[in-house]
């Protein structure tokens, strides 16, 4: 049983392990990868989430009751579905990955909560629209397609800012530790 076997076992459990170089022992973690990941997630969520919020607000303010593009399917639900789907599966990809890792280890965390809330509202909305279309309803049902994009935008923004703050804290600590004295003179009286 060697070091590589231990690292592989830890990786198989869903955690991240790596060998460190002796010169990096006093180094602080680099958050650039996490910052990039959450910035990308935020912008993808924002690009599709903002129009989704605008569509929701438009139909809420104007109370446009024109129905339907096809029986049981309104233009509002089509637009919200088209705009929320990329947010759910592309912008929220990191939430799904982290939630699955947590569940696999018998834990729950905020990622599990986010994935549960957004997936339930998305799946429910798809199901009620599909049911209304199958039944050939004269009106389109109330859906919650606007919930996943709003949650993903705000939470991914929070994660992005969190990792920026962690990075700045690590840099400040590294600078502070670099001021540490390398030599000392003992004075005896």
Protein backbone atom coordinates (compact mmCIF):
# COMPACT_ATOMS: atom_id res chain seq x y z
CA UNK A 1 0.00 0.00 0.00
CA UNK A 2 1.65 3.17 -1.19
CA UNK A 3 0.92 6.87 -1.29
CA UNK A 4 -0.66 6.61 -4.74
CA UNK A 5 -3.03 3.87 -3.49
CA UNK A 6 -4.15 6.10 -0.61
CA UNK A 7 -4.73 9.02 -2.98
CA UNK A 8 -6.73 6.77 -5.34
CA UNK A 9 -8.87 5.50 -2.43
CA UNK A 10 -9.58 9.06 -1.32
CA UNK A 11 -10.45 10.07 -4.90
CA UNK A 12 -12.77 7.04 -5.18
CA UNK A 13 -14.63 8.30 -2.11
CA UNK A 14 -15.39 11.52 -3.98
CA UNK A 15 -12.86 13.74 -2.28
CA UNK A 16 -9.83 15.39 -3.80
CA UNK A 17 -6.31 14.39 -2.78
CA UNK A 18 -2.95 15.18 -4.33
CA UNK A 19 0.74 15.00 -3.52
CA UNK A 20 2.28 18.26 -2.47
CA UNK A 21 5.75 19.43 -3.32
CA UNK A 22 8.04 20.13 -0.36
CA UNK A 23 8.52 23.67 -1.66
CA UNK A 24 4.76 24.25 -1.51
CA UNK A 25 4.28 23.27 2.13
CA UNK A 26 3.88 26.87 3.29
CA UNK A 27 1.90 27.87 0.18
CA UNK A 28 -1.78 28.74 0.44
CA UNK A 29 -4.46 27.19 -1.77
CA UNK A 30 -4.96 28.73 -5.19
CA UNK A 31 -8.61 29.67 -5.73
CA UNK A 32 -8.34 30.71 -9.38
CA UNK A 33 -9.94 27.52 -10.68
CA UNK A 34 -12.91 27.82 -8.30
CA UNK A 35 -13.31 31.52 -9.08
CA UNK A 36 -13.40 30.78 -12.82
CA UNK A 37 -15.86 27.91 -12.33
CA UNK A 38 -18.36 29.97 -10.31
CA UNK A 39 -17.94 33.09 -12.49
CA UNK A 40 -18.81 31.01 -15.56
CA UNK A 41 -21.77 29.44 -13.79
CA UNK A 42 -22.99 32.89 -12.70
CA UNK A 43 -22.75 34.41 -16.18
CA UNK A 44 -24.48 31.46 -17.87
CA UNK A 45 -27.24 31.66 -15.27
CA UNK A 46 -27.46 35.44 -15.67
CA UNK A 47 -27.58 35.39 -19.49
CA UNK A 48 -30.62 33.09 -19.44
CA UNK A 49 -31.99 34.00 -16.01
CA UNK A 50 -32.35 37.75 -16.56
CA UNK A 51 -34.55 37.38 -19.68
CA UNK A 52 -36.53 34.72 -17.78
CA UNK A 53 -37.15 37.22 -14.97
CA UNK A 54 -38.14 39.90 -17.51
CA UNK A 55 -40.64 37.54 -19.18
CA UNK A 56 -42.08 36.62 -15.79
CA UNK A 57 -42.41 40.29 -14.77
CA UNK A 58 -43.98 41.23 -18.12
CA UNK A 59 -46.70 38.60 -17.83
CA UNK A 60 -47.23 39.36 -14.15
CA UNK A 61 -47.61 43.14 -14.71
CA UNK A 62 -49.65 43.06 -17.92
CA UNK A 63 -51.80 40.12 -16.77
CA UNK A 64 -51.78 38.96 -20.39
CA UNK A 65 -54.34 36.17 -20.36
CA UNK A 66 -54.11 35.27 -24.02
CA UNK A 67 -53.93 31.55 -24.31
CA UNK A 68 -52.73 29.40 -26.03
CA UNK A 69 -50.13 28.66 -28.69
CA UNK A 70 -51.49 25.14 -28.64
CA UNK A 71 -54.12 23.75 -26.24
CA UNK A 72 -52.68 23.90 -22.71
CA UNK A 73 -49.47 25.67 -23.74
CA UNK A 74 -49.03 29.44 -23.50
CA UNK A 75 -46.29 31.59 -25.00
CA UNK A 76 -45.24 32.53 -21.45
CA UNK A 77 -44.59 28.88 -20.51
CA UNK A 78 -42.72 28.24 -23.77
CA UNK A 79 -40.42 31.23 -23.19
CA UNK A 80 -39.86 30.36 -19.52
CA UNK A 81 -39.11 26.73 -20.38
CA UNK A 82 -36.64 27.67 -23.12
CA UNK A 83 -34.86 30.19 -20.86
CA UNK A 84 -34.78 28.10 -17.68
CA UNK A 85 -33.56 24.83 -19.23
CA UNK A 86 -29.95 25.99 -19.92
CA UNK A 87 -29.75 27.51 -16.44
CA UNK A 88 -30.97 24.29 -14.84
CA UNK A 89 -28.57 21.95 -16.61
CA UNK A 90 -25.58 24.08 -17.72
CA UNK A 91 -25.43 26.85 -15.12
CA UNK A 92 -26.40 24.44 -12.34
CA UNK A 93 -24.04 21.66 -13.39
CA UNK A 94 -21.63 22.28 -10.50
CA UNK A 95 -24.47 22.13 -7.98
CA UNK A 96 -25.53 18.72 -9.34
CA UNK A 97 -21.97 17.36 -9.20
CA UNK A 98 -21.40 18.51 -5.62
CA UNK A 99 -24.86 17.40 -4.49
CA UNK A 100 -24.29 13.93 -5.93
CA UNK A 101 -20.93 13.66 -4.16
CA UNK A 102 -22.56 14.67 -0.86
CA UNK A 103 -25.46 12.22 -1.24
CA UNK A 104 -23.07 9.43 -2.25
CA UNK A 105 -21.32 9.89 1.11
CA UNK A 106 -24.58 9.98 3.06
CA UNK A 107 -24.38 13.72 3.71
CA UNK A 108 -26.56 16.65 2.84
CA UNK A 109 -25.45 20.21 2.30
CA UNK A 110 -26.56 23.42 0.65
CA UNK A 111 -25.89 21.99 -2.82
CA UNK A 112 -28.38 19.18 -2.15
CA UNK A 113 -30.94 21.76 -1.03
CA UNK A 114 -30.41 23.91 -4.14
CA UNK A 115 -30.61 20.93 -6.48
CA UNK A 116 -33.72 19.61 -4.76
CA UNK A 117 -35.53 22.96 -4.87
CA UNK A 118 -34.67 23.78 -8.47
CA UNK A 119 -35.23 20.27 -9.81
CA UNK A 120 -38.61 19.89 -8.10
CA UNK A 121 -39.88 23.24 -9.41
CA UNK A 122 -38.54 22.52 -12.92
CA UNK A 123 -39.91 18.95 -13.10
CA UNK A 124 -43.26 20.02 -11.61
CA UNK A 125 -43.58 22.81 -14.18
CA UNK A 126 -42.76 20.45 -17.06
CA UNK A 127 -45.24 17.88 -15.75
CA UNK A 128 -48.18 20.29 -15.36
CA UNK A 129 -47.61 21.82 -18.80
CA UNK A 130 -47.38 18.36 -20.35
CA UNK A 131 -50.55 17.27 -18.52
CA UNK A 132 -52.39 20.40 -19.70
CA UNK A 133 -51.31 19.73 -23.28
CA UNK A 134 -52.39 16.08 -23.11
CA UNK A 135 -55.78 17.07 -21.65
CA UNK A 136 -56.14 19.82 -24.30
CA UNK A 137 -56.94 22.43 -21.63
CA UNK A 138 -58.24 25.83 -22.70
CA UNK A 139 -55.80 27.55 -20.35
CA UNK A 140 -52.15 27.09 -19.56
CA UNK A 141 -51.28 26.08 -15.99
CA UNK A 142 -49.35 28.17 -13.48
CA UNK A 143 -45.72 27.07 -13.52
CA UNK A 144 -42.53 27.73 -11.58
CA UNK A 145 -40.01 27.83 -14.44
CA UNK A 146 -38.79 31.18 -13.09
CA UNK A 147 -37.61 29.72 -9.75
CA UNK A 148 -34.52 27.74 -10.89
CA UNK A 149 -32.92 30.64 -12.80
CA UNK A 150 -33.42 33.09 -9.94
CA UNK A 151 -31.97 30.68 -7.37
CA UNK A 152 -29.03 29.70 -9.59
CA UNK A 153 -28.15 33.32 -10.39
CA UNK A 154 -28.06 34.46 -6.78
CA UNK A 155 -26.39 31.38 -5.31
CA UNK A 156 -23.70 31.15 -8.02
CA UNK A 157 -23.01 34.87 -7.51
CA UNK A 158 -22.59 34.19 -3.80
CA UNK A 159 -20.22 31.29 -4.46
CA UNK A 160 -18.18 33.40 -6.89
CA UNK A 161 -17.84 36.23 -4.35
CA UNK A 162 -17.03 33.71 -1.60
CA UNK A 163 -14.08 32.30 -3.56
CA UNK A 164 -12.84 35.80 -4.44
CA UNK A 165 -12.85 36.63 -0.71
CA UNK A 166 -11.04 33.37 0.12
CA UNK A 167 -8.41 34.14 -2.49
CA UNK A 168 -7.82 37.64 -1.15
CA UNK A 169 -7.61 36.29 2.42
CA UNK A 170 -5.03 33.69 1.36
CA UNK A 171 -2.97 36.36 -0.40
CA UNK A 172 -3.10 38.65 2.65
CA UNK A 173 -2.02 35.80 4.95
CA UNK A 174 0.85 34.89 2.61
CA UNK A 175 2.06 38.51 2.63
CA UNK A 176 1.75 38.67 6.40
CA UNK A 177 3.75 35.47 6.86
CA UNK A 178 6.42 36.71 4.47
CA UNK A 179 7.11 39.52 6.97
CA UNK A 180 8.13 36.94 9.56
CA UNK A 181 11.66 37.34 10.89
CA UNK A 182 14.17 34.77 9.65
CA UNK A 183 16.82 35.49 12.28
CA UNK A 184 16.69 36.50 15.89
CA UNK A 185 19.37 37.72 18.30
CA UNK A 186 19.11 36.60 21.89
CA UNK A 187 20.14 39.28 24.40
CA UNK A 188 20.94 38.11 27.91
CA UNK A 189 21.10 40.54 30.81
